Amino acid sequence: MLKKILGVWAITSLFMLVGCNKNNSGEPTETTQATTAGQPAATPAAAKTYHLAFITNNSSDFWTIARAGCMKAQEDLKPNVDVDFQIPGDGTAAQQKRIVDDLLARGVDGISISPVDPSNQTDMLNSIASRALLFCHDSDAPKSNRVCYVGTDNVAAGRQAGGLIKEALPNGGKIMLFVGTLDAQNAKDRYNGIKEALAGSNIQILDVRTDDADHARAKSNAQDTLVKYPDLSGMMGLWSYNGPAIVSAVKEANKQGQVKIVCFDEEDDTLAGVKDGSIYATVVQQPYEFGHLAITDMYKYLTGDKSVVPASHQIYIPTLAIRKDNVVDFQTKLNVLRGRK
């Protein structure tokens, strides 16, 4: 199946893919009634304002960047779009449902969501799709009636992460993986990509430890692993907060350098770990584009431009490996997106 791939991402154009954000000159125009002899023209009808929502799967700082993308899309499309950015504080499917129910009750026109547990959320997702436009971002739900997925090709990202751990452990060794839940499609895909990349190597995956997006539990999982497997060579964090949790546990165990770390995303502690060498590398996504494209393309689709959704119903945004040699430049550009000096 053909997939819509969005250009090659260069570090010098972080989060701003050339050509992926088209100027929206096709906004609905105001209509004017015909003028009759001796009567003034009627007041133009107001253009519809579309209520579009973006729902995350947890409260990680990762989503701060996605919010910036959503708000830029709202600014670009004003006054025709009103964005509602929602974060489920406890990172559960139940909290996502409460948010969705409220949005549907308020007559939302479109929802883009990162489902926590897509296999068990199909009924909820299909309920959305029956009443509003449904996109997924970050983690897909291909068995639902969602119209499009916007985000990372997580199998490819997993392969990239697997390649990095092979670089970090040229002689092989035992590794442990950490993630919030393997029920999420992005976690499944990253895990499968990592396994593909490590097939035939001397690197052994011992297990995957889950934490249900509980940051304290994420750290305790890493701590327990270091105690249980003193000969551990590497640790991989598949969700954004796993990197900082792993780094903290490794430093407290005085095993910096002994245990190689590869993780995902760009939390401050993760980038600090890359910079000081305690993390070998991190695979970063483009959450800014998740937000900007999801909102922009939902608006275009709702206003008649169905061409924004490819035949594959998947819009993939490339990832980038951040190592010690490019982390400073990356941090500088990232801080601009976060509104920091």
C-alpha atoms as a PDB file:
ATOM      1  CA  MET A   1       0.000   0.000   0.000  1.00  0.00           C
ATOM      2  CA  LEU A   2       1.371   3.361  -0.943  1.00  0.00           C
ATOM      3  CA  LYS A   3       2.248   5.658   1.938  1.00  0.00           C
ATOM      4  CA  LYS A   4       2.478   9.442   1.959  1.00  0.00           C
ATOM      5  CA  ILE A   5       6.035  10.211   3.125  1.00  0.00           C
ATOM      6  CA  LEU A   6       6.762  13.818   4.040  1.00  0.00           C
ATOM      7  CA  GLY A   7      10.180  14.741   2.629  1.00  0.00           C
ATOM      8  CA  VAL A   8      13.615  14.277   4.182  1.00  0.00           C
ATOM      9  CA  TRP A   9      14.019  15.923   7.547  1.00  0.00           C
ATOM     10  CA  ALA A  10      17.257  17.832   8.028  1.00  0.00           C
ATOM     11  CA  ILE A  11      18.412  18.993  11.434  1.00  0.00           C
ATOM     12  CA  THR A  12      18.798  22.512  10.040  1.00  0.00           C
ATOM     13  CA  SER A  13      15.058  22.634   9.411  1.00  0.00           C
ATOM     14  CA  LEU A  14      13.943  20.977  12.636  1.00  0.00           C
ATOM     15  CA  PHE A  15      10.215  20.314  12.775  1.00  0.00           C
ATOM     16  CA  MET A  16       9.658  22.494   9.643  1.00  0.00           C
ATOM     17  CA  LEU A  17       9.407  20.136   6.654  1.00  0.00           C
ATOM     18  CA  VAL A  18       9.605  22.056   3.395  1.00  0.00           C
ATOM     19  CA  GLY A  19       6.344  21.851   1.556  1.00  0.00           C
ATOM     20  CA  CYS A  20       4.376  19.880   4.138  1.00  0.00           C
ATOM     21  CA  ASN A  21       2.462  22.861   5.442  1.00  0.00           C
ATOM     22  CA  LYS A  22       0.675  24.411   2.499  1.00  0.00           C
ATOM     23  CA  ASN A  23      -0.650  27.938   2.687  1.00  0.00           C
ATOM     24  CA  ASN A  24      -4.359  27.550   3.171  1.00  0.00           C
ATOM     25  CA  SER A  25      -5.792  29.891   0.546  1.00  0.00           C
ATOM     26  CA  GLY A  26      -8.929  27.822   0.139  1.00  0.00           C
ATOM     27  CA  GLU A  27     -10.783  28.921   3.280  1.00  0.00           C
ATOM     28  CA  PRO A  28     -14.567  29.065   2.991  1.00  0.00           C
ATOM     29  CA  THR A  29     -15.629  32.474   1.695  1.00  0.00           C
ATOM     30  CA  GLU A  30     -18.423  34.541   3.064  1.00  0.00           C
ATOM     31  CA  THR A  31     -21.634  34.568   1.024  1.00  0.00           C
ATOM     32  CA  THR A  32     -23.621  37.634   0.047  1.00  0.00           C
ATOM     33  CA  GLN A  33     -27.273  37.721  -0.951  1.00  0.00           C
ATOM     34  CA  ALA A  34     -28.185  39.351  -4.271  1.00  0.00           C
ATOM     35  CA  THR A  35     -29.009  43.076  -4.158  1.00  0.00           C
ATOM     36  CA  THR A  36     -32.483  44.072  -5.271  1.00  0.00           C
ATOM     37  CA  ALA A  37     -33.341  47.466  -6.729  1.00  0.00           C
ATOM     38  CA  GLY A  38     -33.461  50.175  -4.094  1.00  0.00           C
ATOM     39  CA  GLN A  39     -32.320  47.848  -1.278  1.00  0.00           C
ATOM     40  CA  PRO A  40     -28.871  47.574   0.337  1.00  0.00           C
ATOM     41  CA  ALA A  41     -26.924  44.322   0.098  1.00  0.00           C
ATOM     42  CA  ALA A  42     -27.486  41.851   2.937  1.00  0.00           C
ATOM     43  CA  THR A  43     -24.787  41.453   5.575  1.00  0.00           C
ATOM     44  CA  PRO A  44     -22.382  38.615   4.624  1.00  0.00           C
ATOM     45  CA  ALA A  45     -22.959  35.343   6.462  1.00  0.00           C
ATOM     46  CA  ALA A  46     -20.229  34.468   8.918  1.00  0.00           C
ATOM     47  CA  ALA A  47     -17.885  31.629   7.931  1.00  0.00           C
ATOM     48  CA  LYS A  48     -18.196  28.486  10.039  1.00  0.00           C
ATOM     49  CA  THR A  49     -15.742  28.082  12.874  1.00  0.00           C
ATOM     50  CA  TYR A  50     -14.642  24.452  13.168  1.00  0.00           C
ATOM     51  CA  HIS A  51     -14.084  23.098  16.672  1.00  0.00           C
ATOM     52  CA  LEU A  52     -11.119  20.692  16.427  1.00  0.00           C
ATOM     53  CA  ALA A  53      -9.606  18.776  19.342  1.00  0.00           C
ATOM     54  CA  PHE A  54      -6.188  17.224  19.888  1.00  0.00           C
ATOM     55  CA  ILE A  55      -5.965  14.599  22.665  1.00  0.00           C
ATOM     56  CA  THR A  56      -2.627  13.292  23.962  1.00  0.00           C
ATOM     57  CA  ASN A  57      -1.979   9.942  25.666  1.00  0.00           C
ATOM     58  CA  ASN A  58      -0.162  11.295  28.744  1.00  0.00           C
ATOM     59  CA  SER A  59       1.173  14.502  30.277  1.00  0.00           C
ATOM     60  CA  SER A  60       4.766  14.235  29.056  1.00  0.00           C
ATOM     61  CA  ASP A  61       6.676  17.398  28.091  1.00  0.00           C
ATOM     62  CA  PHE A  62       6.786  15.855  24.599  1.00  0.00           C
ATOM     63  CA  TRP A  63       3.289  17.239  24.074  1.00  0.00           C
ATOM     64  CA  THR A  64       4.343  20.824  24.794  1.00  0.00           C
ATOM     65  CA  ILE A  65       5.857  20.870  21.314  1.00  0.00           C
ATOM     66  CA  ALA A  66       2.743  19.323  19.774  1.00  0.00           C
ATOM     67  CA  ARG A  67       0.669  22.034  21.452  1.00  0.00           C
ATOM     68  CA  ALA A  68       2.837  24.681  19.763  1.00  0.00           C
ATOM     69  CA  GLY A  69       2.064  23.056  16.408  1.00  0.00           C
ATOM     70  CA  CYS A  70      -1.671  23.014  17.146  1.00  0.00           C
ATOM     71  CA  MET A  71      -1.657  26.658  18.176  1.00  0.00           C
ATOM     72  CA  LYS A  72       0.275  27.657  15.041  1.00  0.00           C
ATOM     73  CA  ALA A  73      -2.336  25.865  12.918  1.00  0.00           C
ATOM     74  CA  GLN A  74      -5.090  27.707  14.779  1.00  0.00           C
ATOM     75  CA  GLU A  75      -3.301  31.003  14.139  1.00  0.00           C
ATOM     76  CA  ASP A  76      -2.847  30.179  10.445  1.00  0.00           C
ATOM     77  CA  LEU A  77      -6.518  29.249  10.035  1.00  0.00           C
ATOM     78  CA  LYS A  78      -8.198  31.859  12.228  1.00  0.00           C
ATOM     79  CA  PRO A  79     -11.055  32.650  12.532  1.00  0.00           C
ATOM     80  CA  ASN A  80     -12.173  29.374  10.949  1.00  0.00           C
ATOM     81  CA  VAL A  81     -10.625  27.000  13.515  1.00  0.00           C
ATOM     82  CA  ASP A  82     -10.839  26.784  17.288  1.00  0.00           C
ATOM     83  CA  VAL A  83      -8.423  24.230  18.809  1.00  0.00           C
ATOM     84  CA  ASP A  84      -9.088  22.380  22.056  1.00  0.00           C
ATOM     85  CA  PHE A  85      -5.844  20.768  23.316  1.00  0.00           C
ATOM     86  CA  GLN A  86      -6.560  18.041  25.880  1.00  0.00           C
ATOM     87  CA  ILE A  87      -4.158  16.130  28.142  1.00  0.00           C
ATOM     88  CA  PRO A  88      -5.421  13.102  30.137  1.00  0.00           C
ATOM     89  CA  GLY A  89      -3.679  13.695  33.451  1.00  0.00           C
ATOM     90  CA  ASP A  90      -3.512  10.042  34.462  1.00  0.00           C
ATOM     91  CA  GLY A  91      -2.700   8.731  30.977  1.00  0.00           C
ATOM     92  CA  THR A  92      -5.487   6.151  31.007  1.00  0.00           C
ATOM     93  CA  ALA A  93      -8.027   5.031  28.434  1.00  0.00           C
ATOM     94  CA  ALA A  94     -10.789   5.855  30.926  1.00  0.00           C
ATOM     95  CA  GLN A  95      -9.640   9.464  31.170  1.00  0.00           C
ATOM     96  CA  GLN A  96      -9.434   9.717  27.391  1.00  0.00           C
ATOM     97  CA  LYS A  97     -13.036   8.497  27.166  1.00  0.00           C
ATOM     98  CA  ARG A  98     -14.213  11.141  29.632  1.00  0.00           C
ATOM     99  CA  ILE A  99     -12.529  13.812  27.529  1.00  0.00           C
ATOM    100  CA  VAL A 100     -14.030  12.417  24.320  1.00  0.00           C
ATOM    101  CA  ASP A 101     -17.530  12.235  25.808  1.00  0.00           C
ATOM    102  CA  ASP A 102     -17.325  15.868  26.853  1.00  0.00           C
ATOM    103  CA  LEU A 103     -16.076  16.986  23.442  1.00  0.00           C
ATOM    104  CA  LEU A 104     -18.803  15.094  21.603  1.00  0.00           C
ATOM    105  CA  ALA A 105     -21.437  16.559  23.905  1.00  0.00           C
ATOM    106  CA  ARG A 106     -20.157  20.013  22.972  1.00  0.00           C
ATOM    107  CA  GLY A 107     -20.476  19.250  19.257  1.00  0.00           C
ATOM    108  CA  VAL A 108     -16.817  18.958  18.255  1.00  0.00           C
ATOM    109  CA  ASP A 109     -16.239  18.772  14.476  1.00  0.00           C
ATOM    110  CA  GLY A 110     -13.024  16.756  14.528  1.00  0.00           C
ATOM    111  CA  ILE A 111     -10.814  14.896  16.988  1.00  0.00           C
ATOM    112  CA  SER A 112      -7.205  13.775  16.629  1.00  0.00           C
ATOM    113  CA  ILE A 113      -6.232  11.338  19.375  1.00  0.00           C
ATOM    114  CA  SER A 114      -3.276   9.214  20.451  1.00  0.00           C
ATOM    115  CA  PRO A 115      -5.150   6.158  21.776  1.00  0.00           C
ATOM    116  CA  VAL A 116      -3.678   4.573  24.887  1.00  0.00           C
ATOM    117  CA  ASP A 117      -5.094   1.116  24.140  1.00  0.00           C
ATOM    118  CA  PRO A 118      -6.409   1.075  20.543  1.00  0.00           C
ATOM    119  CA  SER A 119      -7.433  -2.579  20.540  1.00  0.00           C
ATOM    120  CA  ASN A 120      -9.776  -2.032  23.482  1.00  0.00           C
ATOM    121  CA  GLN A 121     -10.796   1.495  22.471  1.00  0.00           C
ATOM    122  CA  THR A 122     -12.233   0.578  19.072  1.00  0.00           C
ATOM    123  CA  ASP A 123     -15.845   1.136  20.176  1.00  0.00           C
ATOM    124  CA  MET A 124     -14.989   4.572  21.552  1.00  0.00           C
ATOM    125  CA  LEU A 125     -13.041   5.499  18.426  1.00  0.00           C
ATOM    126  CA  ASN A 126     -15.834   4.334  16.149  1.00  0.00           C
ATOM    127  CA  SER A 127     -18.295   6.335  18.232  1.00  0.00           C
ATOM    128  CA  ILE A 128     -16.195   9.427  17.553  1.00  0.00           C
ATOM    129  CA  ALA A 129     -16.033   8.588  13.849  1.00  0.00           C
ATOM    130  CA  SER A 130     -19.822   8.322  13.660  1.00  0.00           C
ATOM    131  CA  ARG A 131     -20.256  11.852  15.030  1.00  0.00           C
ATOM    132  CA  ALA A 132     -17.113  13.750  14.009  1.00  0.00           C
ATOM    133  CA  LEU A 133     -14.008  13.485  11.859  1.00  0.00           C
ATOM    134  CA  LEU A 134     -11.491  11.135  13.490  1.00  0.00           C
ATOM    135  CA  PHE A 135      -7.720  11.287  13.045  1.00  0.00           C
ATOM    136  CA  CYS A 136      -5.094   9.445  15.090  1.00  0.00           C
ATOM    137  CA  HIS A 137      -1.630  10.768  15.852  1.00  0.00           C
ATOM    138  CA  ASP A 138       1.480   9.331  17.527  1.00  0.00           C
ATOM    139  CA  SER A 139      -0.147   5.909  18.031  1.00  0.00           C
ATOM    140  CA  ASP A 140      -2.435   4.513  15.347  1.00  0.00           C
ATOM    141  CA  ALA A 141      -5.675   2.527  15.552  1.00  0.00           C
ATOM    142  CA  PRO A 142      -5.834   0.987  12.054  1.00  0.00           C
ATOM    143  CA  LYS A 143      -8.745  -1.338  12.926  1.00  0.00           C
ATOM    144  CA  SER A 144     -10.970   1.606  13.839  1.00  0.00           C
ATOM    145  CA  ASN A 145     -12.868   3.914  11.511  1.00  0.00           C
ATOM    146  CA  ARG A 146     -10.291   6.668  11.813  1.00  0.00           C
ATOM    147  CA  VAL A 147      -9.796   8.576   8.578  1.00  0.00           C
ATOM    148  CA  CYS A 148      -6.053   9.148   8.876  1.00  0.00           C
ATOM    149  CA  TYR A 149      -2.978   8.627  11.042  1.00  0.00           C
ATOM    150  CA  VAL A 150      -0.453  11.456  11.369  1.00  0.00           C
ATOM    151  CA  GLY A 151       2.859  10.620  12.993  1.00  0.00           C
ATOM    152  CA  THR A 152       5.925   8.450  13.043  1.00  0.00           C
ATOM    153  CA  ASP A 153       6.397   5.202  11.179  1.00  0.00           C
ATOM    154  CA  ASN A 154       7.094   3.480  14.463  1.00  0.00           C
ATOM    155  CA  VAL A 155       8.390   0.242  12.948  1.00  0.00           C
ATOM    156  CA  ALA A 156      11.018   2.275  11.081  1.00  0.00           C
ATOM    157  CA  ALA A 157      11.763   4.266  14.237  1.00  0.00           C
ATOM    158  CA  GLY A 158      12.217   1.002  16.128  1.00  0.00           C
ATOM    159  CA  ARG A 159      14.671  -0.199  13.503  1.00  0.00           C
ATOM    160  CA  GLN A 160      16.561   3.063  13.870  1.00  0.00           C
ATOM    161  CA  ALA A 161      16.707   2.644  17.662  1.00  0.00           C
ATOM    162  CA  GLY A 162      17.812  -0.965  17.234  1.00  0.00           C
ATOM    163  CA  GLY A 163      20.614   0.167  14.939  1.00  0.00           C
ATOM    164  CA  LEU A 164      21.759   2.649  17.570  1.00  0.00           C
ATOM    165  CA  ILE A 165      21.932   0.021  20.321  1.00  0.00           C
ATOM    166  CA  LYS A 166      24.003  -2.144  17.950  1.00  0.00           C
ATOM    167  CA  GLU A 167      26.379   0.788  17.520  1.00  0.00           C
ATOM    168  CA  ALA A 168      26.556   1.228  21.288  1.00  0.00           C
ATOM    169  CA  LEU A 169      27.108  -2.514  21.897  1.00  0.00           C
ATOM    170  CA  PRO A 170      29.321  -3.744  19.038  1.00  0.00           C
ATOM    171  CA  ASN A 171      30.205  -6.873  21.015  1.00  0.00           C
ATOM    172  CA  GLY A 172      26.601  -7.633  21.935  1.00  0.00           C
ATOM    173  CA  GLY A 173      25.088  -8.165  25.360  1.00  0.00           C
ATOM    174  CA  LYS A 174      21.837  -8.358  27.290  1.00  0.00           C
ATOM    175  CA  ILE A 175      19.361  -5.478  27.178  1.00  0.00           C
ATOM    176  CA  MET A 176      16.031  -4.584  28.784  1.00  0.00           C
ATOM    177  CA  LEU A 177      13.251  -2.530  27.196  1.00  0.00           C
ATOM    178  CA  PHE A 178      10.919  -0.133  29.059  1.00  0.00           C
ATOM    179  CA  VAL A 179       7.598   1.404  27.986  1.00  0.00           C
ATOM    180  CA  GLY A 180       4.279   2.591  29.389  1.00  0.00           C
ATOM    181  CA  THR A 181       2.220  -0.173  27.807  1.00  0.00           C
ATOM    182  CA  LEU A 182       2.637  -2.616  24.953  1.00  0.00           C
ATOM    183  CA  ASP A 183      -1.070  -2.222  24.187  1.00  0.00           C
ATOM    184  CA  ALA A 184      -0.393   1.079  22.406  1.00  0.00           C
ATOM    185  CA  GLN A 185       0.255   0.638  18.684  1.00  0.00           C
ATOM    186  CA  ASN A 186       3.360   2.829  18.726  1.00  0.00           C
ATOM    187  CA  ALA A 187       4.895   0.666  21.463  1.00  0.00           C
ATOM    188  CA  LYS A 188       4.101  -2.546  19.576  1.00  0.00           C
ATOM    189  CA  ASP A 189       5.543  -1.144  16.363  1.00  0.00           C
ATOM    190  CA  ARG A 190       8.722   0.171  17.969  1.00  0.00           C
ATOM    191  CA  TYR A 191       9.277  -3.143  19.715  1.00  0.00           C
ATOM    192  CA  ASN A 192       8.821  -5.040  16.447  1.00  0.00           C
ATOM    193  CA  GLY A 193      11.214  -2.681  14.664  1.00  0.00           C
ATOM    194  CA  ILE A 194      13.843  -3.131  17.372  1.00  0.00           C
ATOM    195  CA  LYS A 195      13.536  -6.918  17.163  1.00  0.00           C
ATOM    196  CA  GLU A 196      13.942  -6.749  13.385  1.00  0.00           C
ATOM    197  CA  ALA A 197      17.081  -4.616  13.699  1.00  0.00           C
ATOM    198  CA  LEU A 198      18.635  -6.918  16.320  1.00  0.00           C
ATOM    199  CA  ALA A 199      17.822 -10.184  14.537  1.00  0.00           C
ATOM    200  CA  GLY A 200      20.992 -12.206  13.987  1.00  0.00           C
ATOM    201  CA  SER A 201      23.077  -9.999  16.314  1.00  0.00           C
ATOM    202  CA  ASN A 202      24.686 -10.892  19.630  1.00  0.00           C
ATOM    203  CA  ILE A 203      22.269  -8.624  21.485  1.00  0.00           C
ATOM    204  CA  GLN A 204      19.634 -10.400  23.584  1.00  0.00           C
ATOM    205  CA  ILE A 205      16.398  -8.709  24.660  1.00  0.00           C
ATOM    206  CA  LEU A 206      15.650 -10.053  28.135  1.00  0.00           C
ATOM    207  CA  ASP A 207      12.140  -8.637  28.456  1.00  0.00           C
ATOM    208  CA  VAL A 208       9.939  -5.515  28.221  1.00  0.00           C
ATOM    209  CA  ARG A 209       8.953  -3.813  31.484  1.00  0.00           C
ATOM    210  CA  THR A 210       5.760  -1.706  31.468  1.00  0.00           C
ATOM    211  CA  ASP A 211       4.753   1.072  33.871  1.00  0.00           C
ATOM    212  CA  ASP A 212       1.273   2.283  32.770  1.00  0.00           C
ATOM    213  CA  ALA A 213       2.693   5.798  32.252  1.00  0.00           C
ATOM    214  CA  ASP A 214       3.546   6.022  35.969  1.00  0.00           C
ATOM    215  CA  HIS A 215       6.853   7.914  36.089  1.00  0.00           C
ATOM    216  CA  ALA A 216       7.785   6.685  39.569  1.00  0.00           C
ATOM    217  CA  ARG A 217       7.143   3.110  38.499  1.00  0.00           C
ATOM    218  CA  ALA A 218       9.218   3.675  35.352  1.00  0.00           C
ATOM    219  CA  LYS A 219      12.223   4.513  37.522  1.00  0.00           C
ATOM    220  CA  SER A 220      11.622   1.627  39.935  1.00  0.00           C
ATOM    221  CA  ASN A 221      11.425  -0.762  36.964  1.00  0.00           C
ATOM    222  CA  ALA A 222      14.841   0.447  35.839  1.00  0.00           C
ATOM    223  CA  GLN A 223      16.254   0.191  39.371  1.00  0.00           C
ATOM    224  CA  ASP A 224      14.931  -3.341  39.847  1.00  0.00           C
ATOM    225  CA  THR A 225      16.375  -4.405  36.505  1.00  0.00           C
ATOM    226  CA  LEU A 226      19.846  -3.152  37.406  1.00  0.00           C
ATOM    227  CA  VAL A 227      19.748  -5.152  40.643  1.00  0.00           C
ATOM    228  CA  LYS A 228      18.336  -8.320  39.086  1.00  0.00           C
ATOM    229  CA  TYR A 229      20.689  -8.344  36.086  1.00  0.00           C
ATOM    230  CA  PRO A 230      24.159  -7.182  37.198  1.00  0.00           C
ATOM    231  CA  ASP A 231      25.569  -8.225  33.810  1.00  0.00           C
ATOM    232  CA  LEU A 232      23.123  -6.025  31.894  1.00  0.00           C
ATOM    233  CA  SER A 233      24.737  -4.230  28.947  1.00  0.00           C
ATOM    234  CA  GLY A 234      21.991  -1.945  27.716  1.00  0.00           C
ATOM    235  CA  MET A 235      18.608  -0.334  28.433  1.00  0.00           C
ATOM    236  CA  MET A 236      16.116   1.096  25.944  1.00  0.00           C
ATOM    237  CA  GLY A 237      13.231   3.434  26.755  1.00  0.00           C
ATOM    238  CA  LEU A 238      10.415   3.469  24.204  1.00  0.00           C
ATOM    239  CA  TRP A 239       8.360   6.384  25.557  1.00  0.00           C
ATOM    240  CA  SER A 240       9.613   9.882  26.250  1.00  0.00           C
ATOM    241  CA  TYR A 241       9.729   9.764  30.056  1.00  0.00           C
ATOM    242  CA  ASN A 242      11.483   6.372  30.087  1.00  0.00           C
ATOM    243  CA  GLY A 243      14.790   7.965  29.102  1.00  0.00           C
ATOM    244  CA  PRO A 244      15.068  10.236  32.160  1.00  0.00           C
ATOM    245  CA  ALA A 245      13.875   7.414  34.439  1.00  0.00           C
ATOM    246  CA  ILE A 246      16.561   5.065  33.122  1.00  0.00           C
ATOM    247  CA  VAL A 247      19.319   7.690  33.334  1.00  0.00           C
ATOM    248  CA  SER A 248      18.430   8.493  36.934  1.00  0.00           C
ATOM    249  CA  ALA A 249      18.463   4.816  37.929  1.00  0.00           C
ATOM    250  CA  VAL A 250      21.772   4.141  36.147  1.00  0.00           C
ATOM    251  CA  LYS A 251      23.472   7.150  37.770  1.00  0.00           C
ATOM    252  CA  GLU A 252      22.247   6.171  41.235  1.00  0.00           C
ATOM    253  CA  ALA A 253      23.655   2.683  40.639  1.00  0.00           C
ATOM    254  CA  ASN A 254      26.996   4.201  39.511  1.00  0.00           C
ATOM    255  CA  LYS A 255      26.799   2.325  36.224  1.00  0.00           C
ATOM    256  CA  GLN A 256      27.277   5.206  33.769  1.00  0.00           C
ATOM    257  CA  GLY A 257      29.241   3.919  30.810  1.00  0.00           C
ATOM    258  CA  GLN A 258      28.786   0.313  31.896  1.00  0.00           C
ATOM    259  CA  VAL A 259      25.146   0.238  30.806  1.00  0.00           C
ATOM    260  CA  LYS A 260      24.509   1.782  27.380  1.00  0.00           C
ATOM    261  CA  ILE A 261      21.235   3.648  26.946  1.00  0.00           C
ATOM    262  CA  VAL A 262      19.177   4.354  23.831  1.00  0.00           C
ATOM    263  CA  CYS A 263      15.789   5.979  24.105  1.00  0.00           C
ATOM    264  CA  PHE A 264      13.108   8.040  22.381  1.00  0.00           C
ATOM    265  CA  ASP A 265      12.204  11.713  22.294  1.00  0.00           C
ATOM    266  CA  GLU A 266      13.648  14.933  23.605  1.00  0.00           C
ATOM    267  CA  GLU A 267      12.889  15.489  27.260  1.00  0.00           C
ATOM    268  CA  ASP A 268      15.382  17.809  28.948  1.00  0.00           C
ATOM    269  CA  ASP A 269      16.988  15.083  31.064  1.00  0.00           C
ATOM    270  CA  THR A 270      17.278  12.840  28.026  1.00  0.00           C
ATOM    271  CA  LEU A 271      19.127  15.496  26.027  1.00  0.00           C
ATOM    272  CA  ALA A 272      21.301  16.300  29.039  1.00  0.00           C
ATOM    273  CA  GLY A 273      22.160  12.597  29.199  1.00  0.00           C
ATOM    274  CA  VAL A 274      23.119  12.556  25.530  1.00  0.00           C
ATOM    275  CA  LYS A 275      25.217  15.662  26.070  1.00  0.00           C
ATOM    276  CA  ASP A 276      27.140  14.251  29.052  1.00  0.00           C
ATOM    277  CA  GLY A 277      27.486  10.801  27.467  1.00  0.00           C
ATOM    278  CA  SER A 278      25.296   8.845  29.862  1.00  0.00           C
ATOM    279  CA  ILE A 279      22.869   8.214  26.968  1.00  0.00           C
ATOM    280  CA  TYR A 280      24.335   6.949  23.711  1.00  0.00           C
ATOM    281  CA  ALA A 281      21.547   8.354  21.530  1.00  0.00           C
ATOM    282  CA  THR A 282      17.854   9.181  21.362  1.00  0.00           C
ATOM    283  CA  VAL A 283      15.435   8.867  18.452  1.00  0.00           C
ATOM    284  CA  VAL A 284      13.415  12.062  18.182  1.00  0.00           C
ATOM    285  CA  GLN A 285      10.089  12.544  16.454  1.00  0.00           C
ATOM    286  CA  GLN A 286       8.404  15.722  15.227  1.00  0.00           C
ATOM    287  CA  PRO A 287       5.561  16.419  17.636  1.00  0.00           C
ATOM    288  CA  TYR A 288       5.274  19.974  16.301  1.00  0.00           C
ATOM    289  CA  GLU A 289       4.251  18.498  12.953  1.00  0.00           C
ATOM    290  CA  PHE A 290       1.883  16.043  14.648  1.00  0.00           C
ATOM    291  CA  GLY A 291      -0.060  19.011  15.981  1.00  0.00           C
ATOM    292  CA  HIS A 292       0.205  21.315  12.994  1.00  0.00           C
ATOM    293  CA  LEU A 293      -0.622  18.729  10.360  1.00  0.00           C
ATOM    294  CA  ALA A 294      -3.406  17.030  12.299  1.00  0.00           C
ATOM    295  CA  ILE A 295      -5.273  20.321  12.807  1.00  0.00           C
ATOM    296  CA  THR A 296      -4.537  21.698   9.332  1.00  0.00           C
ATOM    297  CA  ASP A 297      -5.484  18.499   7.505  1.00  0.00           C
ATOM    298  CA  MET A 298      -8.640  17.937   9.543  1.00  0.00           C
ATOM    299  CA  TYR A 299      -9.755  21.460   8.593  1.00  0.00           C
ATOM    300  CA  LYS A 300      -8.959  20.892   4.919  1.00  0.00           C
ATOM    301  CA  TYR A 301     -10.767  17.555   4.915  1.00  0.00           C
ATOM    302  CA  LEU A 302     -13.849  19.027   6.571  1.00  0.00           C
ATOM    303  CA  THR A 303     -13.945  21.853   4.043  1.00  0.00           C
ATOM    304  CA  GLY A 304     -13.867  19.510   1.077  1.00  0.00           C
ATOM    305  CA  ASP A 305     -10.207  18.810   0.322  1.00  0.00           C
ATOM    306  CA  LYS A 306     -10.103  15.017   0.675  1.00  0.00           C
ATOM    307  CA  SER A 307      -6.753  14.881  -1.148  1.00  0.00           C
ATOM    308  CA  VAL A 308      -4.917  15.540   2.135  1.00  0.00           C
ATOM    309  CA  VAL A 309      -5.584  11.917   3.113  1.00  0.00           C
ATOM    310  CA  PRO A 310      -3.473   9.482   1.030  1.00  0.00           C
ATOM    311  CA  ALA A 311      -4.684   6.079  -0.113  1.00  0.00           C
ATOM    312  CA  SER A 312      -2.774   4.464   2.756  1.00  0.00           C
ATOM    313  CA  HIS A 313      -4.588   6.679   5.303  1.00  0.00           C
ATOM    314  CA  GLN A 314      -1.184   7.228   6.914  1.00  0.00           C
ATOM    315  CA  ILE A 315       0.973  10.370   6.863  1.00  0.00           C
ATOM    316  CA  TYR A 316       4.439   9.485   8.091  1.00  0.00           C
ATOM    317  CA  ILE A 317       6.829  12.074   9.518  1.00  0.00           C
ATOM    318  CA  PRO A 318      10.525  11.066   9.670  1.00  0.00           C
ATOM    319  CA  THR A 319      12.580  10.670  12.849  1.00  0.00           C
ATOM    320  CA  LEU A 320      16.165  11.696  13.599  1.00  0.00           C
ATOM    321  CA  ALA A 321      18.935  10.179  15.700  1.00  0.00           C
ATOM    322  CA  ILE A 322      20.419  12.620  18.220  1.00  0.00           C
ATOM    323  CA  ARG A 323      23.923  11.789  19.405  1.00  0.00           C
ATOM    324  CA  LYS A 324      26.525  13.760  21.301  1.00  0.00           C
ATOM    325  CA  ASP A 325      27.804  15.413  18.118  1.00  0.00           C
ATOM    326  CA  ASN A 326      24.494  17.083  17.187  1.00  0.00           C
ATOM    327  CA  VAL A 327      22.658  17.449  20.497  1.00  0.00           C
ATOM    328  CA  VAL A 328      23.624  21.086  21.173  1.00  0.00           C
ATOM    329  CA  ASP A 329      22.354  22.290  17.804  1.00  0.00           C
ATOM    330  CA  PHE A 330      19.179  20.272  18.302  1.00  0.00           C
ATOM    331  CA  GLN A 331      18.601  21.749  21.774  1.00  0.00           C
ATOM    332  CA  THR A 332      18.975  25.288  20.444  1.00  0.00           C
ATOM    333  CA  LYS A 333      16.305  24.808  17.803  1.00  0.00           C
ATOM    334  CA  LEU A 334      14.075  22.863  20.164  1.00  0.00           C
ATOM    335  CA  ASN A 335      14.088  25.686  22.704  1.00  0.00           C
ATOM    336  CA  VAL A 336      12.746  28.029  20.045  1.00  0.00           C
ATOM    337  CA  LEU A 337       9.761  25.719  19.542  1.00  0.00           C
ATOM    338  CA  ARG A 338       9.225  25.512  23.292  1.00  0.00           C
ATOM    339  CA  GLY A 339       9.280  29.281  23.628  1.00  0.00           C
ATOM    340  CA  ARG A 340      12.482  29.277  25.646  1.00  0.00           C
ATOM    341  CA  LYS A 341      15.459  31.591  25.175  1.00  0.00           C
END
